[in-house]
Amino acid sequence: MTKIWESKDFKNSNLYHFLSYVNQKHGLALNDYAALHQWSIDKLEDFWMTIALFFDIDFITKPVKICNIQIPFYKTQWFVNSTLSYSSHLLRHAKPNSIAIIYRNELGDEVKISWNSLLHRASNIKNKLIQAKVKKGDVIAGYLLNHPDTIASFIATNSLGAIWSCCSPDFGIDSIVDRFGQLKP
């Protein structure tokens, strides 16, 4: 395997912490990325369950099975019958006055958005969605730029249990129609 990048301080990297966790959890002695990668292939279900445990995924409904492998592979079901709130995971470590997003627009202008500001934006959007009678299971499709308000829109949508999909204008009409058409927003 050809390396395209290597950490200068591997023992302080998230990968090293995960590798150590895998070794401790499964009684292994994996010592590098290549060994971890091979283990993730050989022990697919163990790998993905360990990912969920390491990142402290708080399932609302626990999975009945980690993966239901299908051919072709893209039809594989992951964390079967589980549910979770991505918004809850995103926000669980938010610190109100700390920076949530550093955004740079096409002109190079940099804007820093605090968690307070992001959550305020999300709350305003959520209220508009509620007024529009959006509910759990509804599909919201955004034709939006890569912008902090797009993230706020996702948080608002997800917090209601609605399904979010987004395309930026640079996708092109055919791709956008194809993506959104699959969801029937």
Foldseek 3Di string as FASTA:
>chain_A
DDDPDDDPCVCPDPVVVLVVLLCVVPVHDDDDDVSVVVCCVVVVQSVQVSVCVVLVFDWPAFAPGQWDADPVRVPIDGSHPIHGQVLCSLCVPFDQADFDDWDADPVRDTDTAHPVRLQVLLVVLLVVCVVVVDAAAAEDEEAADPDSSVVSNVSSCSVRNYHYHYDYPVVDDVSSCVVVVVVVD
